Amino acid sequence: MIAGEVRRYLRDNSAIRVSRSIRDVAYRVLQCKEAQTCALGREPTLEEISKELDIPLEEVSQALDAVSAPVSLYDPVYADGGDPLTVMDQVRDTRNTEASWMEHITLQNAFRALQPREKQILSLRFYDGKTQMEVANALGISQAQVSRLEKGAIGAMRKSVSIS
């Protein structure tokens, strides 16, 4: 009785709400899955369950996803005596690492320290992809000046980054 009350409380006060209709579909899918596992001697595919219940495949998949228990990112997936492999290790974003964020922040701070004209030249050159000649025409200066200012700005940023 206590376990039932705890389940009811968690079901009713969960952060994730699953509609009654989806839970009903999931219940039918789970019953069908169990019956087909006994009949076939193996676990049925989602397509087989879909055909058996005459429900679209996508709805079967969504129903099963909706009633599956949430998993912590730090739950071990595999452990072979050493460090366990966690869900976080499986879904880690290799592009947005702490090192790349630090590099981004460092470059952003170095860019902010530049003079307005240097910022404008670097923005036109590297963000907008313009040539030195196009930048020179836009700013009304010579291409040689653009080259010199660009080189100085990049040098200043490099110096700022290497000090940090």
C-alpha atoms as a PDB file:
ATOM      1  CA  MET A   1       0.000   0.000   0.000  1.00  0.00           C
ATOM      2  CA  ILE A   2       2.835   2.403   0.871  1.00  0.00           C
ATOM      3  CA  ALA A   3       4.687   1.606  -2.368  1.00  0.00           C
ATOM      4  CA  GLY A   4       1.476   2.292  -4.311  1.00  0.00           C
ATOM      5  CA  GLU A   5       1.030   5.664  -2.601  1.00  0.00           C
ATOM      6  CA  VAL A   6       4.632   6.599  -3.336  1.00  0.00           C
ATOM      7  CA  ARG A   7       4.181   5.627  -7.017  1.00  0.00           C
ATOM      8  CA  ARG A   8       0.937   7.620  -7.207  1.00  0.00           C
ATOM      9  CA  TYR A   9       2.630  10.657  -5.640  1.00  0.00           C
ATOM     10  CA  LEU A  10       5.560  10.465  -8.061  1.00  0.00           C
ATOM     11  CA  ARG A  11       3.201   9.956 -11.010  1.00  0.00           C
ATOM     12  CA  ASP A  12       0.974  12.887 -10.056  1.00  0.00           C
ATOM     13  CA  ASN A  13       3.771  15.272  -9.041  1.00  0.00           C
ATOM     14  CA  SER A  14       6.359  14.395 -11.656  1.00  0.00           C
ATOM     15  CA  ALA A  15       8.048  17.175 -13.626  1.00  0.00           C
ATOM     16  CA  ILE A  16       7.222  15.254 -16.799  1.00  0.00           C
ATOM     17  CA  ARG A  17       3.526  14.769 -17.514  1.00  0.00           C
ATOM     18  CA  VAL A  18       2.448  12.040 -19.907  1.00  0.00           C
ATOM     19  CA  SER A  19      -1.122  12.194 -21.149  1.00  0.00           C
ATOM     20  CA  ARG A  20      -3.516   9.408 -20.278  1.00  0.00           C
ATOM     21  CA  SER A  21      -4.010   8.468 -23.943  1.00  0.00           C
ATOM     22  CA  ILE A  22      -0.273   8.019 -24.484  1.00  0.00           C
ATOM     23  CA  ARG A  23       0.000   5.940 -21.307  1.00  0.00           C
ATOM     24  CA  ASP A  24      -2.883   3.760 -22.536  1.00  0.00           C
ATOM     25  CA  VAL A  25      -1.154   3.229 -25.874  1.00  0.00           C
ATOM     26  CA  ALA A  26       2.097   2.435 -24.059  1.00  0.00           C
ATOM     27  CA  TYR A  27       0.299  -0.092 -21.857  1.00  0.00           C
ATOM     28  CA  ARG A  28      -1.169  -1.812 -24.946  1.00  0.00           C
ATOM     29  CA  VAL A  29       2.245  -1.764 -26.642  1.00  0.00           C
ATOM     30  CA  LEU A  30       3.931  -3.309 -23.599  1.00  0.00           C
ATOM     31  CA  GLN A  31       1.261  -6.038 -23.378  1.00  0.00           C
ATOM     32  CA  CYS A  32       1.621  -6.785 -27.093  1.00  0.00           C
ATOM     33  CA  LYS A  33       5.404  -6.799 -26.786  1.00  0.00           C
ATOM     34  CA  GLU A  34       5.250  -9.313 -23.947  1.00  0.00           C
ATOM     35  CA  ALA A  35       2.790 -11.561 -25.829  1.00  0.00           C
ATOM     36  CA  GLN A  36       4.838 -11.458 -29.036  1.00  0.00           C
ATOM     37  CA  THR A  37       8.058 -12.163 -27.128  1.00  0.00           C
ATOM     38  CA  CYS A  38       6.468 -15.379 -25.818  1.00  0.00           C
ATOM     39  CA  ALA A  39       5.031 -16.308 -29.225  1.00  0.00           C
ATOM     40  CA  LEU A  40       8.111 -15.506 -31.309  1.00  0.00           C
ATOM     41  CA  GLY A  41      10.778 -16.544 -28.817  1.00  0.00           C
ATOM     42  CA  ARG A  42      12.494 -13.189 -29.319  1.00  0.00           C
ATOM     43  CA  GLU A  43      11.734  -9.528 -28.759  1.00  0.00           C
ATOM     44  CA  PRO A  44       9.498  -8.163 -31.520  1.00  0.00           C
ATOM     45  CA  THR A  45      10.483  -5.141 -33.599  1.00  0.00           C
ATOM     46  CA  LEU A  46       8.550  -1.893 -33.378  1.00  0.00           C
ATOM     47  CA  GLU A  47       7.205  -2.562 -36.885  1.00  0.00           C
ATOM     48  CA  GLU A  48       5.772  -5.927 -35.766  1.00  0.00           C
ATOM     49  CA  ILE A  49       4.107  -4.316 -32.753  1.00  0.00           C
ATOM     50  CA  SER A  50       2.764  -1.534 -34.950  1.00  0.00           C
ATOM     51  CA  LYS A  51       1.199  -4.022 -37.371  1.00  0.00           C
ATOM     52  CA  GLU A  52      -0.232  -6.162 -34.578  1.00  0.00           C
ATOM     53  CA  LEU A  53      -1.943  -3.213 -32.862  1.00  0.00           C
ATOM     54  CA  ASP A  54      -2.722  -1.340 -36.103  1.00  0.00           C
ATOM     55  CA  ILE A  55      -1.077   1.797 -34.705  1.00  0.00           C
ATOM     56  CA  PRO A  56       1.347   4.027 -36.649  1.00  0.00           C
ATOM     57  CA  LEU A  57       5.000   3.158 -35.996  1.00  0.00           C
ATOM     58  CA  GLU A  58       5.770   6.683 -34.792  1.00  0.00           C
ATOM     59  CA  GLU A  59       3.009   6.494 -32.185  1.00  0.00           C
ATOM     60  CA  VAL A  60       4.367   3.164 -30.869  1.00  0.00           C
ATOM     61  CA  SER A  61       7.841   4.659 -30.563  1.00  0.00           C
ATOM     62  CA  GLN A  62       6.575   7.829 -28.849  1.00  0.00           C
ATOM     63  CA  ALA A  63       4.468   5.821 -26.390  1.00  0.00           C
ATOM     64  CA  LEU A  64       7.425   3.675 -25.369  1.00  0.00           C
ATOM     65  CA  ASP A  65       9.642   6.753 -25.004  1.00  0.00           C
ATOM     66  CA  ALA A  66       7.028   8.535 -22.914  1.00  0.00           C
ATOM     67  CA  VAL A  67       6.788   5.827 -20.274  1.00  0.00           C
ATOM     68  CA  SER A  68      10.470   4.932 -20.076  1.00  0.00           C
ATOM     69  CA  ALA A  69      12.145   5.983 -16.864  1.00  0.00           C
ATOM     70  CA  PRO A  70      14.466   8.999 -17.085  1.00  0.00           C
ATOM     71  CA  VAL A  71      18.166   8.210 -16.911  1.00  0.00           C
ATOM     72  CA  SER A  72      20.780  10.247 -15.089  1.00  0.00           C
ATOM     73  CA  LEU A  73      23.679  11.484 -17.183  1.00  0.00           C
ATOM     74  CA  TYR A  74      25.962   9.992 -14.563  1.00  0.00           C
ATOM     75  CA  ASP A  75      24.436   6.490 -14.560  1.00  0.00           C
ATOM     76  CA  PRO A  76      27.031   3.900 -15.541  1.00  0.00           C
ATOM     77  CA  VAL A  77      26.406   2.264 -18.896  1.00  0.00           C
ATOM     78  CA  TYR A  78      29.358  -0.127 -18.771  1.00  0.00           C
ATOM     79  CA  ALA A  79      31.924  -1.007 -16.131  1.00  0.00           C
ATOM     80  CA  ASP A  80      34.733  -3.473 -16.671  1.00  0.00           C
ATOM     81  CA  GLY A  81      36.444  -3.342 -13.309  1.00  0.00           C
ATOM     82  CA  GLY A  82      37.915   0.108 -14.033  1.00  0.00           C
ATOM     83  CA  ASP A  83      36.267   3.468 -14.422  1.00  0.00           C
ATOM     84  CA  PRO A  84      32.638   3.077 -15.469  1.00  0.00           C
ATOM     85  CA  LEU A  85      31.437   4.470 -18.790  1.00  0.00           C
ATOM     86  CA  THR A  86      28.533   6.865 -18.118  1.00  0.00           C
ATOM     87  CA  VAL A  87      25.721   8.234 -20.260  1.00  0.00           C
ATOM     88  CA  MET A  88      27.532  11.608 -20.177  1.00  0.00           C
ATOM     89  CA  ASP A  89      30.533   9.982 -21.862  1.00  0.00           C
ATOM     90  CA  GLN A  90      28.244   8.767 -24.648  1.00  0.00           C
ATOM     91  CA  VAL A  91      26.540  12.119 -25.336  1.00  0.00           C
ATOM     92  CA  ARG A  92      29.379  14.546 -24.699  1.00  0.00           C
ATOM     93  CA  ASP A  93      29.618  17.487 -27.084  1.00  0.00           C
ATOM     94  CA  THR A  94      33.196  17.563 -28.342  1.00  0.00           C
ATOM     95  CA  ARG A  95      32.825  20.977 -30.001  1.00  0.00           C
ATOM     96  CA  ASN A  96      31.707  22.897 -26.927  1.00  0.00           C
ATOM     97  CA  THR A  97      34.358  21.905 -24.444  1.00  0.00           C
ATOM     98  CA  GLU A  98      35.615  24.005 -21.566  1.00  0.00           C
ATOM     99  CA  ALA A  99      38.820  24.702 -23.495  1.00  0.00           C
ATOM    100  CA  SER A 100      36.926  25.997 -26.538  1.00  0.00           C
ATOM    101  CA  TRP A 101      34.811  28.258 -24.318  1.00  0.00           C
ATOM    102  CA  MET A 102      37.939  29.657 -22.706  1.00  0.00           C
ATOM    103  CA  GLU A 103      39.499  30.285 -26.120  1.00  0.00           C
ATOM    104  CA  HIS A 104      36.325  32.019 -27.268  1.00  0.00           C
ATOM    105  CA  ILE A 105      36.207  34.248 -24.176  1.00  0.00           C
ATOM    106  CA  THR A 106      39.912  35.052 -24.474  1.00  0.00           C
ATOM    107  CA  LEU A 107      39.547  36.025 -28.137  1.00  0.00           C
ATOM    108  CA  GLN A 108      36.446  38.048 -27.365  1.00  0.00           C
ATOM    109  CA  ASN A 109      38.285  40.004 -24.657  1.00  0.00           C
ATOM    110  CA  ALA A 110      41.275  40.565 -26.959  1.00  0.00           C
ATOM    111  CA  PHE A 111      38.922  41.833 -29.691  1.00  0.00           C
ATOM    112  CA  ARG A 112      37.215  44.222 -27.259  1.00  0.00           C
ATOM    113  CA  ALA A 113      40.588  45.759 -26.366  1.00  0.00           C
ATOM    114  CA  LEU A 114      41.186  46.855 -29.983  1.00  0.00           C
ATOM    115  CA  GLN A 115      40.584  50.356 -31.320  1.00  0.00           C
ATOM    116  CA  PRO A 116      37.217  50.895 -33.073  1.00  0.00           C
ATOM    117  CA  ARG A 117      38.816  51.133 -36.526  1.00  0.00           C
ATOM    118  CA  GLU A 118      40.782  47.900 -35.964  1.00  0.00           C
ATOM    119  CA  LYS A 119      37.598  46.141 -34.845  1.00  0.00           C
ATOM    120  CA  GLN A 120      35.801  47.372 -37.933  1.00  0.00           C
ATOM    121  CA  ILE A 121      38.558  46.161 -40.259  1.00  0.00           C
ATOM    122  CA  LEU A 122      38.755  42.710 -38.629  1.00  0.00           C
ATOM    123  CA  SER A 123      34.973  42.395 -38.664  1.00  0.00           C
ATOM    124  CA  LEU A 124      34.757  43.265 -42.333  1.00  0.00           C
ATOM    125  CA  ARG A 125      37.660  40.977 -43.224  1.00  0.00           C
ATOM    126  CA  PHE A 126      36.909  37.885 -41.143  1.00  0.00           C
ATOM    127  CA  TYR A 127      33.199  38.016 -40.293  1.00  0.00           C
ATOM    128  CA  ASP A 128      31.921  39.470 -43.556  1.00  0.00           C
ATOM    129  CA  GLY A 129      34.623  37.799 -45.705  1.00  0.00           C
ATOM    130  CA  LYS A 130      35.596  40.949 -47.605  1.00  0.00           C
ATOM    131  CA  THR A 131      38.953  41.390 -49.318  1.00  0.00           C
ATOM    132  CA  GLN A 132      41.405  44.068 -48.222  1.00  0.00           C
ATOM    133  CA  MET A 133      40.518  46.049 -51.336  1.00  0.00           C
ATOM    134  CA  GLU A 134      36.772  45.893 -50.538  1.00  0.00           C
ATOM    135  CA  VAL A 135      37.477  47.012 -46.955  1.00  0.00           C
ATOM    136  CA  ALA A 136      39.677  49.847 -48.256  1.00  0.00           C
ATOM    137  CA  ASN A 137      36.893  51.048 -50.567  1.00  0.00           C
ATOM    138  CA  ALA A 138      34.296  50.825 -47.791  1.00  0.00           C
ATOM    139  CA  LEU A 139      36.435  52.833 -45.352  1.00  0.00           C
ATOM    140  CA  GLY A 140      37.902  55.250 -47.872  1.00  0.00           C
ATOM    141  CA  ILE A 141      41.531  54.314 -47.181  1.00  0.00           C
ATOM    142  CA  SER A 142      44.198  52.510 -49.202  1.00  0.00           C
ATOM    143  CA  GLN A 143      44.619  48.744 -49.341  1.00  0.00           C
ATOM    144  CA  ALA A 144      48.116  49.152 -47.869  1.00  0.00           C
ATOM    145  CA  GLN A 145      46.623  50.936 -44.826  1.00  0.00           C
ATOM    146  CA  VAL A 146      44.071  48.149 -44.395  1.00  0.00           C
ATOM    147  CA  SER A 147      46.871  45.579 -44.554  1.00  0.00           C
ATOM    148  CA  ARG A 148      48.977  47.486 -42.005  1.00  0.00           C
ATOM    149  CA  LEU A 149      46.032  48.054 -39.605  1.00  0.00           C
ATOM    150  CA  GLU A 150      44.915  44.424 -39.943  1.00  0.00           C
ATOM    151  CA  LYS A 151      48.417  43.149 -39.220  1.00  0.00           C
ATOM    152  CA  GLY A 152      48.704  45.449 -36.196  1.00  0.00           C
ATOM    153  CA  ALA A 153      45.304  44.398 -34.838  1.00  0.00           C
ATOM    154  CA  ILE A 154      46.093  40.708 -35.201  1.00  0.00           C
ATOM    155  CA  GLY A 155      49.467  41.281 -33.528  1.00  0.00           C
ATOM    156  CA  ALA A 156      47.795  43.103 -30.643  1.00  0.00           C
ATOM    157  CA  MET A 157      45.279  40.284 -30.218  1.00  0.00           C
ATOM    158  CA  ARG A 158      48.044  37.677 -30.359  1.00  0.00           C
ATOM    159  CA  LYS A 159      49.996  39.579 -27.700  1.00  0.00           C
ATOM    160  CA  SER A 160      46.896  39.923 -25.527  1.00  0.00           C
ATOM    161  CA  VAL A 161      46.113  36.206 -25.813  1.00  0.00           C
ATOM    162  CA  SER A 162      49.684  35.066 -25.094  1.00  0.00           C
ATOM    163  CA  ILE A 163      49.854  37.188 -21.919  1.00  0.00           C
ATOM    164  CA  SER A 164      46.620  35.735 -20.522  1.00  0.00           C
END
